[in-house]
Amino acid sequence: MKHSVLIVLLLFGSSVFGEDAYTKTGKKVILNDDFTWKYAESAVVDLNTNMRKLERSSDHTSVLVSKYNTYSVYYNPANWFNAKASNEAAEFGFENTRKTSYSMLIYEGVEIPLETFPNLILENTKNVDPTAYIIDIEDVSVNGMAGKIVKYHASSKGLNFIFYSFLTSGKFGSIHFIAFTLESNFDRELEGFDSLISGLVVNK
């Protein structure tokens, strides 16, 4: 990670050295004149004002209500249907009507800090594919509930997949809403993933 940061600094010249900067996830770093950097003690700034917002659409006419009475999932039945999830821990599973993408929702009754949630997901994925890695993490709110969308890559049985997961947590517990498809298909499915995730409503 230090190498990639250093390359960026060299590309943009030396005027930034000795100044403060922020990573995409809001962590403050101090850039030194000797080409080194370190995290500042105050690690996180509030990025909520720039957070992308997903909201339920009027075409989300079908609904699944959690047996835990903590959340519901509204969805468009023309695009998705309820299906058995591939993971036994999931309460709900979905498959799109073209049979090219899949989704599932896992609920835990305990609160997990959002800053550590993505790495927990990655470590769990590495039990299946040790080479799995995170591509991007984005701060997002879904119907007013703050969380993170984590995009990560993993392989299984010679197939490459992209996972697109919304993570949120609070006093209600923790939710991991996963959508996934083949890597070659991801760009075509992204809009549908956002639409499905936007149907999540948490009972605060």
Foldseek 3Di string as FASTA:
>chain_A
DLVVVLVVDVVVDQPCAQHWDADQQAFIKHHHNVSGIDTDPPGGDDPVVVAAEFAADPQQPDKDADPLNWKMFGAHPQFKDWDDDPDPQFPTKIATPVRFKIKTKHWDQAFDPQVCVVVVVQVVLCVQPVPKDWDDKGWHHANNFTWIWTWIWGDDPHFIKIKTWTWGGDNRGIMTIIMMGGPVCCVVCVVVVSNRSNRMDTDD
